[in-house]
Amino acid sequence: MQISSLVRRITRRVVIPSLASVLFAASAAYAQDEATLILDWVPDGSYAAFYAGVAEGFYDEAGISLSIERGFGSSDTVTKIASGVAKFGIADIAAVMAGRVRGETPVKAIASIYTRPPHSIFVLADSGIETFKDLEGRSLAGAPGSAVRVYLPLVMARNDVDMDQVDLINSEPATMGPLLVSGQADAVTGFLTNLPRFEVMAGEANKEVRVLQFAEALQIYGNALIAAERTLADEPDLTARFVAATIRSLEFARENPEAAVESMMAMVPGLNPEGDGQAIEVHNFLTFESDVARANPTGAFDPEQLAETWAVVAEAQDFDVTAFDAEEFVTRDFLP
């Protein structure tokens, strides 16, 4: 299915009700614990599930008073979680792996979110760029510290692209859409969740957007819920309740994307329902529309895909893949 049509449809499925049955039945026994969730970037529809969880009372029922804060990139979120700024965060699992390898950052992924890699390159439909190979001789704008740039050399190599023939431009994430639509860059990097917003910008200029997805070359995990090992050790009950409430929120947003976006819009004023809001459909695609997602419960880590994710991160970052086992970066102890 074309991604452009995906973001305009509402997916309907039957939600397995087991997630709420245990931890929420006795929620009245818990005092309200204060907790903060730091995102990996600014709110848009791709985060609507978490705001819906607050609005629908899922966290309250789990005995958690949750606040949500914007992020400044996955690496920054990992650092803040490690330093105790907040108990929970959302970050690309590559940032968790790199943090532990480079700085022994005591953070682990506690539940998966994106079971597909969201990393993408965006081009205009009339640019003549249809494959990664077509990027040779063109300009490509991207944020130097982004997760997309981490995987970029590896994806290019797997597509036989000579990186010396690609003009890389370092730019801030907020400038990607304008750079692409104005023609100041032939292509820009970003998460697939940027597609609805880029489509709105391009449509205003009577243009269309095409996406080159890293998923064509990689099948790895993307964003995950994370927590510091200190939190996991000192507050296991809180962590388990938080994970269960979040999984409940993710499944609610899968079944009720419009309601989830309405909740987010009410809590985060100033967002564009057409561009920002439609990102929830891409979020649901990345979270639920994969072979591992269909074969495993929501939030689970498939051992084979987790191992492949670590192998790809190690190759892209020139780490010794034998120095760590992929299982060292995650814990399944708090999944319902």
C-alpha atoms as a PDB file:
ATOM      1  CA  MET A   1       0.000   0.000   0.000  1.00  0.00           C
ATOM      2  CA  GLN A   2       1.200   3.504  -0.822  1.00  0.00           C
ATOM      3  CA  ILE A   3       2.195   5.477   2.277  1.00  0.00           C
ATOM      4  CA  SER A   4       0.451   8.585   0.946  1.00  0.00           C
ATOM      5  CA  SER A   5      -2.863   6.744   0.936  1.00  0.00           C
ATOM      6  CA  LEU A   6      -2.104   5.051   4.246  1.00  0.00           C
ATOM      7  CA  VAL A   7      -2.116   8.322   6.171  1.00  0.00           C
ATOM      8  CA  ARG A   8      -5.643   9.036   4.985  1.00  0.00           C
ATOM      9  CA  ARG A   9      -7.293   5.801   6.058  1.00  0.00           C
ATOM     10  CA  ILE A  10      -8.553   4.601   9.430  1.00  0.00           C
ATOM     11  CA  THR A  11      -7.432   1.112  10.342  1.00  0.00           C
ATOM     12  CA  ARG A  12      -9.906  -1.044  12.255  1.00  0.00           C
ATOM     13  CA  ARG A  13      -8.948  -4.140  14.221  1.00  0.00           C
ATOM     14  CA  VAL A  14     -10.039  -6.061  17.289  1.00  0.00           C
ATOM     15  CA  VAL A  15      -8.022  -5.140  20.376  1.00  0.00           C
ATOM     16  CA  ILE A  16      -7.135  -8.013  22.681  1.00  0.00           C
ATOM     17  CA  PRO A  17      -8.419  -6.857  26.077  1.00  0.00           C
ATOM     18  CA  SER A  18      -5.881  -8.756  28.196  1.00  0.00           C
ATOM     19  CA  LEU A  19      -3.606  -5.767  28.759  1.00  0.00           C
ATOM     20  CA  ALA A  20      -6.043  -3.964  31.010  1.00  0.00           C
ATOM     21  CA  SER A  21      -7.288  -6.969  32.934  1.00  0.00           C
ATOM     22  CA  VAL A  22      -4.617  -7.351  35.608  1.00  0.00           C
ATOM     23  CA  LEU A  23      -2.891  -4.075  36.339  1.00  0.00           C
ATOM     24  CA  PHE A  24      -5.951  -1.863  36.066  1.00  0.00           C
ATOM     25  CA  ALA A  25      -8.417  -3.969  38.025  1.00  0.00           C
ATOM     26  CA  ALA A  26      -6.754  -3.063  41.300  1.00  0.00           C
ATOM     27  CA  SER A  27      -5.807   0.489  40.344  1.00  0.00           C
ATOM     28  CA  ALA A  28      -7.700   1.978  43.270  1.00  0.00           C
ATOM     29  CA  ALA A  29      -5.148   0.391  45.581  1.00  0.00           C
ATOM     30  CA  TYR A  30      -2.396   2.631  44.216  1.00  0.00           C
ATOM     31  CA  ALA A  31      -1.629   6.158  45.290  1.00  0.00           C
ATOM     32  CA  GLN A  32      -1.069   8.509  42.377  1.00  0.00           C
ATOM     33  CA  ASP A  33       2.610   8.446  41.456  1.00  0.00           C
ATOM     34  CA  GLU A  34       4.019  11.463  39.645  1.00  0.00           C
ATOM     35  CA  ALA A  35       5.892  10.573  36.443  1.00  0.00           C
ATOM     36  CA  THR A  36       7.145  12.411  33.366  1.00  0.00           C
ATOM     37  CA  LEU A  37       7.472  11.064  29.833  1.00  0.00           C
ATOM     38  CA  ILE A  38      10.010  12.875  27.634  1.00  0.00           C
ATOM     39  CA  LEU A  39       9.375  12.519  23.900  1.00  0.00           C
ATOM     40  CA  ASP A  40      12.150  12.372  21.357  1.00  0.00           C
ATOM     41  CA  TRP A  41      10.840  15.415  19.489  1.00  0.00           C
ATOM     42  CA  VAL A  42       8.035  17.991  19.370  1.00  0.00           C
ATOM     43  CA  PRO A  43       4.436  16.741  19.628  1.00  0.00           C
ATOM     44  CA  ASP A  44       2.531  15.774  16.499  1.00  0.00           C
ATOM     45  CA  GLY A  45       0.086  13.016  15.660  1.00  0.00           C
ATOM     46  CA  SER A  46       2.763  10.358  15.999  1.00  0.00           C
ATOM     47  CA  TYR A  47       2.579  10.928  19.767  1.00  0.00           C
ATOM     48  CA  ALA A  48      -1.202  11.170  20.000  1.00  0.00           C
ATOM     49  CA  ALA A  49      -1.500   7.778  21.716  1.00  0.00           C
ATOM     50  CA  PHE A  50       0.315   9.043  24.808  1.00  0.00           C
ATOM     51  CA  TYR A  51      -1.861  12.126  25.133  1.00  0.00           C
ATOM     52  CA  ALA A  52      -4.930   9.940  24.603  1.00  0.00           C
ATOM     53  CA  GLY A  53      -3.746   7.727  27.453  1.00  0.00           C
ATOM     54  CA  VAL A  54      -3.823  10.766  29.718  1.00  0.00           C
ATOM     55  CA  ALA A  55      -7.155  12.037  28.394  1.00  0.00           C
ATOM     56  CA  GLU A  56      -8.844   8.620  28.555  1.00  0.00           C
ATOM     57  CA  GLY A  57      -7.634   8.059  32.107  1.00  0.00           C
ATOM     58  CA  PHE A  58      -5.499   4.998  31.388  1.00  0.00           C
ATOM     59  CA  TYR A  59      -2.559   6.339  33.381  1.00  0.00           C
ATOM     60  CA  ASP A  60      -4.835   7.566  36.159  1.00  0.00           C
ATOM     61  CA  GLU A  61      -6.347   4.095  36.415  1.00  0.00           C
ATOM     62  CA  ALA A  62      -2.821   2.735  36.768  1.00  0.00           C
ATOM     63  CA  GLY A  63      -2.183   5.124  39.637  1.00  0.00           C
ATOM     64  CA  ILE A  64       0.047   7.440  37.608  1.00  0.00           C
ATOM     65  CA  SER A  65      -0.220  11.196  37.210  1.00  0.00           C
ATOM     66  CA  LEU A  66       1.662  11.562  33.915  1.00  0.00           C
ATOM     67  CA  SER A  67       3.061  14.720  32.368  1.00  0.00           C
ATOM     68  CA  ILE A  68       4.497  14.766  28.844  1.00  0.00           C
ATOM     69  CA  GLU A  69       7.387  16.965  27.707  1.00  0.00           C
ATOM     70  CA  ARG A  70       8.775  17.595  24.233  1.00  0.00           C
ATOM     71  CA  GLY A  71      12.161  16.164  23.310  1.00  0.00           C
ATOM     72  CA  PHE A  72      15.247  17.413  21.506  1.00  0.00           C
ATOM     73  CA  GLY A  73      16.329  14.226  19.779  1.00  0.00           C
ATOM     74  CA  SER A  74      16.747  10.636  20.907  1.00  0.00           C
ATOM     75  CA  SER A  75      20.280  11.039  22.214  1.00  0.00           C
ATOM     76  CA  ASP A  76      19.244  13.995  24.368  1.00  0.00           C
ATOM     77  CA  THR A  77      16.300  12.037  25.757  1.00  0.00           C
ATOM     78  CA  VAL A  78      18.541   9.069  26.615  1.00  0.00           C
ATOM     79  CA  THR A  79      20.938  11.395  28.438  1.00  0.00           C
ATOM     80  CA  LYS A  80      18.127  13.037  30.405  1.00  0.00           C
ATOM     81  CA  ILE A  81      16.626   9.703  31.412  1.00  0.00           C
ATOM     82  CA  ALA A  82      20.045   8.458  32.523  1.00  0.00           C
ATOM     83  CA  SER A  83      20.588  11.573  34.632  1.00  0.00           C
ATOM     84  CA  GLY A  84      17.192  11.309  36.336  1.00  0.00           C
ATOM     85  CA  VAL A  85      15.500  14.336  34.728  1.00  0.00           C
ATOM     86  CA  ALA A  86      12.467  12.108  34.097  1.00  0.00           C
ATOM     87  CA  LYS A  87      11.546   8.508  34.776  1.00  0.00           C
ATOM     88  CA  PHE A  88      10.485   7.520  31.256  1.00  0.00           C
ATOM     89  CA  GLY A  89      11.259   8.525  27.698  1.00  0.00           C
ATOM     90  CA  ILE A  90      10.826   7.728  24.021  1.00  0.00           C
ATOM     91  CA  ALA A  91      13.962   7.305  21.942  1.00  0.00           C
ATOM     92  CA  ASP A  92      15.269   5.495  18.904  1.00  0.00           C
ATOM     93  CA  ILE A  93      16.682   2.214  20.165  1.00  0.00           C
ATOM     94  CA  ALA A  94      19.904   2.990  18.272  1.00  0.00           C
ATOM     95  CA  ALA A  95      20.488   5.886  20.692  1.00  0.00           C
ATOM     96  CA  VAL A  96      20.055   3.510  23.637  1.00  0.00           C
ATOM     97  CA  MET A  97      22.562   1.086  22.138  1.00  0.00           C
ATOM     98  CA  ALA A  98      25.082   3.778  21.226  1.00  0.00           C
ATOM     99  CA  GLY A  99      24.749   5.388  24.655  1.00  0.00           C
ATOM    100  CA  ARG A 100      25.539   2.167  26.472  1.00  0.00           C
ATOM    101  CA  VAL A 101      28.456   1.318  24.191  1.00  0.00           C
ATOM    102  CA  ARG A 102      30.059   4.764  24.182  1.00  0.00           C
ATOM    103  CA  GLY A 103      29.258   6.121  27.578  1.00  0.00           C
ATOM    104  CA  GLU A 104      27.944   3.186  29.524  1.00  0.00           C
ATOM    105  CA  THR A 105      24.657   5.067  29.828  1.00  0.00           C
ATOM    106  CA  PRO A 106      22.543   3.048  32.295  1.00  0.00           C
ATOM    107  CA  VAL A 107      19.345   3.108  30.234  1.00  0.00           C
ATOM    108  CA  LYS A 108      17.340   0.238  28.759  1.00  0.00           C
ATOM    109  CA  ALA A 109      14.438  -0.091  26.354  1.00  0.00           C
ATOM    110  CA  ILE A 110      11.406  -1.419  28.243  1.00  0.00           C
ATOM    111  CA  ALA A 111       8.908  -1.793  25.371  1.00  0.00           C
ATOM    112  CA  SER A 112       9.051  -1.464  21.619  1.00  0.00           C
ATOM    113  CA  ILE A 113       7.009   1.137  19.749  1.00  0.00           C
ATOM    114  CA  TYR A 114       8.127   1.239  16.120  1.00  0.00           C
ATOM    115  CA  THR A 115       8.532  -2.283  14.791  1.00  0.00           C
ATOM    116  CA  ARG A 116       9.574  -0.822  11.430  1.00  0.00           C
ATOM    117  CA  PRO A 117      12.402   1.674  10.924  1.00  0.00           C
ATOM    118  CA  PRO A 118      10.920   5.170  10.450  1.00  0.00           C
ATOM    119  CA  HIS A 119      14.079   6.612   8.882  1.00  0.00           C
ATOM    120  CA  SER A 120      13.431   8.017   5.417  1.00  0.00           C
ATOM    121  CA  ILE A 121      14.530  10.369   2.660  1.00  0.00           C
ATOM    122  CA  PHE A 122      11.963  12.702   1.090  1.00  0.00           C
ATOM    123  CA  VAL A 123      12.089  14.033  -2.472  1.00  0.00           C
ATOM    124  CA  LEU A 124       9.661  15.842  -4.763  1.00  0.00           C
ATOM    125  CA  ALA A 125       7.806  13.588  -7.169  1.00  0.00           C
ATOM    126  CA  ASP A 126       9.024  15.555 -10.193  1.00  0.00           C
ATOM    127  CA  SER A 127      12.687  15.535  -9.095  1.00  0.00           C
ATOM    128  CA  GLY A 128      13.640  12.490 -11.124  1.00  0.00           C
ATOM    129  CA  ILE A 129      14.823  10.775  -7.928  1.00  0.00           C
ATOM    130  CA  GLU A 130      13.131   7.397  -7.756  1.00  0.00           C
ATOM    131  CA  THR A 131      15.807   5.276  -6.078  1.00  0.00           C
ATOM    132  CA  PHE A 132      18.648   5.802  -3.588  1.00  0.00           C
ATOM    133  CA  LYS A 133      21.098   5.535  -6.502  1.00  0.00           C
ATOM    134  CA  ASP A 134      19.488   8.599  -8.076  1.00  0.00           C
ATOM    135  CA  LEU A 135      20.754  10.694  -5.152  1.00  0.00           C
ATOM    136  CA  GLU A 136      24.227  10.735  -6.691  1.00  0.00           C
ATOM    137  CA  GLY A 137      24.929  14.239  -7.948  1.00  0.00           C
ATOM    138  CA  ARG A 138      22.149  15.688  -5.797  1.00  0.00           C
ATOM    139  CA  SER A 139      21.986  17.603  -2.517  1.00  0.00           C
ATOM    140  CA  LEU A 140      20.675  15.933   0.637  1.00  0.00           C
ATOM    141  CA  ALA A 141      19.837  17.987   3.737  1.00  0.00           C
ATOM    142  CA  GLY A 142      19.747  16.416   7.184  1.00  0.00           C
ATOM    143  CA  ALA A 143      20.344  17.022  10.861  1.00  0.00           C
ATOM    144  CA  PRO A 144      23.887  15.822  11.673  1.00  0.00           C
ATOM    145  CA  GLY A 145      22.916  14.230  14.997  1.00  0.00           C
ATOM    146  CA  SER A 146      19.763  12.509  13.809  1.00  0.00           C
ATOM    147  CA  ALA A 147      19.154   8.777  13.818  1.00  0.00           C
ATOM    148  CA  VAL A 148      18.640   8.948  10.047  1.00  0.00           C
ATOM    149  CA  ARG A 149      22.208  10.113   9.570  1.00  0.00           C
ATOM    150  CA  VAL A 150      23.429   7.228  11.728  1.00  0.00           C
ATOM    151  CA  TYR A 151      22.081   4.694   9.255  1.00  0.00           C
ATOM    152  CA  LEU A 152      22.587   6.752   6.091  1.00  0.00           C
ATOM    153  CA  PRO A 153      26.063   5.459   5.062  1.00  0.00           C
ATOM    154  CA  LEU A 154      24.967   1.857   5.577  1.00  0.00           C
ATOM    155  CA  VAL A 155      21.761   2.247   3.558  1.00  0.00           C
ATOM    156  CA  MET A 156      23.629   4.028   0.791  1.00  0.00           C
ATOM    157  CA  ALA A 157      26.250   1.273   0.678  1.00  0.00           C
ATOM    158  CA  ARG A 158      23.568  -1.405   0.459  1.00  0.00           C
ATOM    159  CA  ASN A 159      22.085   0.485  -2.503  1.00  0.00           C
ATOM    160  CA  ASP A 160      25.469   0.921  -4.224  1.00  0.00           C
ATOM    161  CA  VAL A 161      25.446   4.707  -3.777  1.00  0.00           C
ATOM    162  CA  ASP A 162      28.762   6.578  -3.895  1.00  0.00           C
ATOM    163  CA  MET A 163      28.447   8.927  -0.907  1.00  0.00           C
ATOM    164  CA  ASP A 164      31.227  11.129  -2.313  1.00  0.00           C
ATOM    165  CA  GLN A 165      28.781  12.065  -5.068  1.00  0.00           C
ATOM    166  CA  VAL A 166      26.060  13.156  -2.629  1.00  0.00           C
ATOM    167  CA  ASP A 167      26.194  16.754  -1.405  1.00  0.00           C
ATOM    168  CA  LEU A 168      25.315  16.513   2.297  1.00  0.00           C
ATOM    169  CA  ILE A 169      23.898  19.697   3.838  1.00  0.00           C
ATOM    170  CA  ASN A 170      23.713  20.035   7.622  1.00  0.00           C
ATOM    171  CA  SER A 171      20.380  21.589   8.569  1.00  0.00           C
ATOM    172  CA  GLU A 172      18.033  21.864  11.522  1.00  0.00           C
ATOM    173  CA  PRO A 173      15.064  19.427  11.561  1.00  0.00           C
ATOM    174  CA  ALA A 174      12.513  22.255  11.438  1.00  0.00           C
ATOM    175  CA  THR A 175      13.909  23.490   8.110  1.00  0.00           C
ATOM    176  CA  MET A 176      13.574  20.200   6.192  1.00  0.00           C
ATOM    177  CA  GLY A 177      10.125  20.786   4.723  1.00  0.00           C
ATOM    178  CA  PRO A 178      10.820  24.332   3.497  1.00  0.00           C
ATOM    179  CA  LEU A 179      14.193  23.282   2.038  1.00  0.00           C
ATOM    180  CA  LEU A 180      12.556  20.490   0.071  1.00  0.00           C
ATOM    181  CA  VAL A 181       9.538  22.383  -1.211  1.00  0.00           C
ATOM    182  CA  SER A 182      11.557  25.474  -2.132  1.00  0.00           C
ATOM    183  CA  GLY A 183      14.098  23.415  -4.060  1.00  0.00           C
ATOM    184  CA  GLN A 184      17.027  24.502  -1.897  1.00  0.00           C
ATOM    185  CA  ALA A 185      17.719  20.800  -1.352  1.00  0.00           C
ATOM    186  CA  ASP A 186      16.972  17.956  -3.754  1.00  0.00           C
ATOM    187  CA  ALA A 187      16.203  15.651  -0.841  1.00  0.00           C
ATOM    188  CA  VAL A 188      15.863  15.799   2.949  1.00  0.00           C
ATOM    189  CA  THR A 189      16.081  13.229   5.715  1.00  0.00           C
ATOM    190  CA  GLY A 190      13.532  12.606   8.440  1.00  0.00           C
ATOM    191  CA  PHE A 191      11.180  10.116  10.051  1.00  0.00           C
ATOM    192  CA  LEU A 192       8.317   8.770   7.977  1.00  0.00           C
ATOM    193  CA  THR A 193       5.985  10.510  10.420  1.00  0.00           C
ATOM    194  CA  ASN A 194       6.999  13.809   8.756  1.00  0.00           C
ATOM    195  CA  LEU A 195       5.228  12.775   5.552  1.00  0.00           C
ATOM    196  CA  PRO A 196       1.774  14.304   6.246  1.00  0.00           C
ATOM    197  CA  ARG A 197       3.302  17.659   7.183  1.00  0.00           C
ATOM    198  CA  PHE A 198       5.575  17.646   4.117  1.00  0.00           C
ATOM    199  CA  GLU A 199       2.610  16.718   1.915  1.00  0.00           C
ATOM    200  CA  VAL A 200       0.649  19.719   3.190  1.00  0.00           C
ATOM    201  CA  MET A 201       3.593  22.045   2.462  1.00  0.00           C
ATOM    202  CA  ALA A 202       4.127  20.559  -0.985  1.00  0.00           C
ATOM    203  CA  GLY A 203       0.414  20.670  -1.788  1.00  0.00           C
ATOM    204  CA  GLU A 204       0.325  24.394  -1.132  1.00  0.00           C
ATOM    205  CA  ALA A 205       2.940  24.731  -3.888  1.00  0.00           C
ATOM    206  CA  ASN A 206       1.117  22.271  -6.201  1.00  0.00           C
ATOM    207  CA  LYS A 207       3.830  19.676  -5.694  1.00  0.00           C
ATOM    208  CA  GLU A 208       3.922  16.087  -4.474  1.00  0.00           C
ATOM    209  CA  VAL A 209       6.310  14.210  -2.199  1.00  0.00           C
ATOM    210  CA  ARG A 210       7.942  10.821  -2.766  1.00  0.00           C
ATOM    211  CA  VAL A 211       9.547   8.755   0.019  1.00  0.00           C
ATOM    212  CA  LEU A 212      12.610   6.502  -0.014  1.00  0.00           C
ATOM    213  CA  GLN A 213      12.261   4.354   3.088  1.00  0.00           C
ATOM    214  CA  PHE A 214      15.235   2.809   4.868  1.00  0.00           C
ATOM    215  CA  ALA A 215      12.914  -0.150   5.512  1.00  0.00           C
ATOM    216  CA  GLU A 216      13.639  -1.149   1.908  1.00  0.00           C
ATOM    217  CA  ALA A 217      17.148  -2.076   3.062  1.00  0.00           C
ATOM    218  CA  LEU A 218      16.756  -2.592   6.823  1.00  0.00           C
ATOM    219  CA  GLN A 219      14.258  -4.394   9.040  1.00  0.00           C
ATOM    220  CA  ILE A 220      15.048  -3.065  12.500  1.00  0.00           C
ATOM    221  CA  TYR A 221      13.354  -1.511  15.511  1.00  0.00           C
ATOM    222  CA  GLY A 222      12.895   2.254  15.783  1.00  0.00           C
ATOM    223  CA  ASN A 223      11.467   4.164  18.740  1.00  0.00           C
ATOM    224  CA  ALA A 224      11.037   2.453  22.099  1.00  0.00           C
ATOM    225  CA  LEU A 225      10.008   3.283  25.643  1.00  0.00           C
ATOM    226  CA  ILE A 226      13.082   3.726  27.818  1.00  0.00           C
ATOM    227  CA  ALA A 227      13.955   4.021  31.502  1.00  0.00           C
ATOM    228  CA  ALA A 228      17.078   4.255  33.624  1.00  0.00           C
ATOM    229  CA  GLU A 229      18.269   1.082  35.304  1.00  0.00           C
ATOM    230  CA  ARG A 230      17.920   2.923  38.615  1.00  0.00           C
ATOM    231  CA  THR A 231      14.199   3.337  38.002  1.00  0.00           C
ATOM    232  CA  LEU A 232      13.826  -0.290  36.981  1.00  0.00           C
ATOM    233  CA  ALA A 233      15.514  -1.427  40.186  1.00  0.00           C
ATOM    234  CA  ASP A 234      13.927   1.033  42.621  1.00  0.00           C
ATOM    235  CA  GLU A 235      10.416   1.359  41.153  1.00  0.00           C
ATOM    236  CA  PRO A 236       9.543  -1.883  39.357  1.00  0.00           C
ATOM    237  CA  ASP A 237       5.850  -1.625  40.222  1.00  0.00           C
ATOM    238  CA  LEU A 238       5.582   1.889  38.803  1.00  0.00           C
ATOM    239  CA  THR A 239       7.446   0.810  35.679  1.00  0.00           C
ATOM    240  CA  ALA A 240       5.139  -2.148  35.092  1.00  0.00           C
ATOM    241  CA  ARG A 241       2.049   0.021  35.525  1.00  0.00           C
ATOM    242  CA  PHE A 242       3.466   2.664  33.198  1.00  0.00           C
ATOM    243  CA  VAL A 243       4.274   0.129  30.479  1.00  0.00           C
ATOM    244  CA  ALA A 244       0.832  -1.476  30.710  1.00  0.00           C
ATOM    245  CA  ALA A 245      -0.943   1.893  30.558  1.00  0.00           C
ATOM    246  CA  THR A 246       1.174   2.920  27.580  1.00  0.00           C
ATOM    247  CA  ILE A 247       0.460  -0.272  25.673  1.00  0.00           C
ATOM    248  CA  ARG A 248      -3.224   0.252  26.398  1.00  0.00           C
ATOM    249  CA  SER A 249      -2.867   3.784  25.011  1.00  0.00           C
ATOM    250  CA  LEU A 250      -1.108   2.559  21.854  1.00  0.00           C
ATOM    251  CA  GLU A 251      -3.871   0.058  21.170  1.00  0.00           C
ATOM    252  CA  PHE A 252      -6.561   2.638  21.847  1.00  0.00           C
ATOM    253  CA  ALA A 253      -4.956   4.960  19.280  1.00  0.00           C
ATOM    254  CA  ARG A 254      -4.818   2.135  16.762  1.00  0.00           C
ATOM    255  CA  GLU A 255      -8.565   1.613  17.067  1.00  0.00           C
ATOM    256  CA  ASN A 256      -9.514   5.265  17.621  1.00  0.00           C
ATOM    257  CA  PRO A 257      -6.993   7.454  15.783  1.00  0.00           C
ATOM    258  CA  GLU A 258      -9.334  10.402  15.384  1.00  0.00           C
ATOM    259  CA  ALA A 259     -10.220  10.435  19.093  1.00  0.00           C
ATOM    260  CA  ALA A 260      -6.538  10.166  19.995  1.00  0.00           C
ATOM    261  CA  VAL A 261      -5.687  13.146  17.803  1.00  0.00           C
ATOM    262  CA  GLU A 262      -8.538  15.160  19.330  1.00  0.00           C
ATOM    263  CA  SER A 263      -7.113  14.468  22.782  1.00  0.00           C
ATOM    264  CA  MET A 264      -3.677  15.603  21.677  1.00  0.00           C
ATOM    265  CA  MET A 265      -5.043  18.745  20.010  1.00  0.00           C
ATOM    266  CA  ALA A 266      -6.846  19.678  23.212  1.00  0.00           C
ATOM    267  CA  MET A 267      -3.670  19.275  25.277  1.00  0.00           C
ATOM    268  CA  VAL A 268      -1.212  20.754  22.736  1.00  0.00           C
ATOM    269  CA  PRO A 269      -2.798  23.805  21.085  1.00  0.00           C
ATOM    270  CA  GLY A 270      -1.503  25.178  17.811  1.00  0.00           C
ATOM    271  CA  LEU A 271      -1.110  21.921  15.897  1.00  0.00           C
ATOM    272  CA  ASN A 272      -2.392  21.465  12.363  1.00  0.00           C
ATOM    273  CA  PRO A 273      -5.029  18.682  12.249  1.00  0.00           C
ATOM    274  CA  GLU A 274      -4.314  17.908   8.581  1.00  0.00           C
ATOM    275  CA  GLY A 275      -0.525  17.835   8.739  1.00  0.00           C
ATOM    276  CA  ASP A 276       0.399  17.168  12.357  1.00  0.00           C
ATOM    277  CA  GLY A 277      -2.695  15.149  13.165  1.00  0.00           C
ATOM    278  CA  GLN A 278      -2.463  12.725  10.249  1.00  0.00           C
ATOM    279  CA  ALA A 279       0.936  11.557  11.500  1.00  0.00           C
ATOM    280  CA  ILE A 280      -0.940   9.153  13.778  1.00  0.00           C
ATOM    281  CA  GLU A 281      -1.685   6.954  10.770  1.00  0.00           C
ATOM    282  CA  VAL A 282       2.017   6.688   9.998  1.00  0.00           C
ATOM    283  CA  HIS A 283       2.707   5.992  13.673  1.00  0.00           C
ATOM    284  CA  ASN A 284       0.193   3.139  13.629  1.00  0.00           C
ATOM    285  CA  PHE A 285       1.733   1.788  10.434  1.00  0.00           C
ATOM    286  CA  LEU A 286       5.229   1.785  11.959  1.00  0.00           C
ATOM    287  CA  THR A 287       3.993   0.256  15.211  1.00  0.00           C
ATOM    288  CA  PHE A 288       1.512  -2.374  14.083  1.00  0.00           C
ATOM    289  CA  GLU A 289       2.008  -3.094  10.368  1.00  0.00           C
ATOM    290  CA  SER A 290       4.962  -5.488  10.335  1.00  0.00           C
ATOM    291  CA  ASP A 291       5.502  -9.219  10.483  1.00  0.00           C
ATOM    292  CA  VAL A 292       7.019  -9.042  13.985  1.00  0.00           C
ATOM    293  CA  ALA A 293       4.158  -6.846  15.228  1.00  0.00           C
ATOM    294  CA  ARG A 294       1.588  -9.313  13.939  1.00  0.00           C
ATOM    295  CA  ALA A 295       3.456 -12.244  15.482  1.00  0.00           C
ATOM    296  CA  ASN A 296       4.084 -10.704  18.920  1.00  0.00           C
ATOM    297  CA  PRO A 297       2.140  -8.798  21.593  1.00  0.00           C
ATOM    298  CA  THR A 298       2.260  -5.007  21.484  1.00  0.00           C
ATOM    299  CA  GLY A 299       5.480  -3.746  23.012  1.00  0.00           C
ATOM    300  CA  ALA A 300       7.358  -7.031  22.685  1.00  0.00           C
ATOM    301  CA  PHE A 301      10.915  -7.366  21.401  1.00  0.00           C
ATOM    302  CA  ASP A 302      11.340 -10.137  18.846  1.00  0.00           C
ATOM    303  CA  PRO A 303      14.757 -11.717  19.584  1.00  0.00           C
ATOM    304  CA  GLU A 304      15.751 -12.092  15.937  1.00  0.00           C
ATOM    305  CA  GLN A 305      14.824  -8.543  14.944  1.00  0.00           C
ATOM    306  CA  LEU A 306      16.456  -7.191  18.090  1.00  0.00           C
ATOM    307  CA  ALA A 307      19.679  -9.013  17.208  1.00  0.00           C
ATOM    308  CA  GLU A 308      19.499  -7.661  13.652  1.00  0.00           C
ATOM    309  CA  THR A 309      18.948  -4.148  15.001  1.00  0.00           C
ATOM    310  CA  TRP A 310      22.093  -4.375  17.112  1.00  0.00           C
ATOM    311  CA  ALA A 311      24.057  -5.804  14.168  1.00  0.00           C
ATOM    312  CA  VAL A 312      22.969  -2.883  11.978  1.00  0.00           C
ATOM    313  CA  VAL A 313      23.744  -0.277  14.657  1.00  0.00           C
ATOM    314  CA  ALA A 314      27.150  -1.857  15.271  1.00  0.00           C
ATOM    315  CA  GLU A 315      27.956  -1.863  11.560  1.00  0.00           C
ATOM    316  CA  ALA A 316      26.757   1.698  11.053  1.00  0.00           C
ATOM    317  CA  GLN A 317      28.655   3.003  14.105  1.00  0.00           C
ATOM    318  CA  ASP A 318      31.741   0.805  13.700  1.00  0.00           C
ATOM    319  CA  PHE A 319      31.136  -0.944  17.025  1.00  0.00           C
ATOM    320  CA  ASP A 320      32.386  -4.424  17.851  1.00  0.00           C
ATOM    321  CA  VAL A 321      29.193  -6.434  17.475  1.00  0.00           C
ATOM    322  CA  THR A 322      30.621  -9.218  19.643  1.00  0.00           C
ATOM    323  CA  ALA A 323      31.250  -6.886  22.595  1.00  0.00           C
ATOM    324  CA  PHE A 324      27.547  -6.814  23.537  1.00  0.00           C
ATOM    325  CA  ASP A 325      24.612  -9.140  23.273  1.00  0.00           C
ATOM    326  CA  ALA A 326      21.513  -7.456  21.857  1.00  0.00           C
ATOM    327  CA  GLU A 327      19.538  -8.556  24.895  1.00  0.00           C
ATOM    328  CA  GLU A 328      21.686  -6.318  27.116  1.00  0.00           C
ATOM    329  CA  PHE A 329      19.967  -3.234  25.703  1.00  0.00           C
ATOM    330  CA  VAL A 330      16.420  -4.220  26.640  1.00  0.00           C
ATOM    331  CA  THR A 331      14.372  -5.735  29.428  1.00  0.00           C
ATOM    332  CA  ARG A 332      11.136  -7.676  29.040  1.00  0.00           C
ATOM    333  CA  ASP A 333      10.492  -7.817  32.779  1.00  0.00           C
ATOM    334  CA  PHE A 334       7.844  -5.084  32.737  1.00  0.00           C
ATOM    335  CA  LEU A 335       5.753  -6.122  29.746  1.00  0.00           C
ATOM    336  CA  PRO A 336       2.217  -7.281  30.612  1.00  0.00           C
END
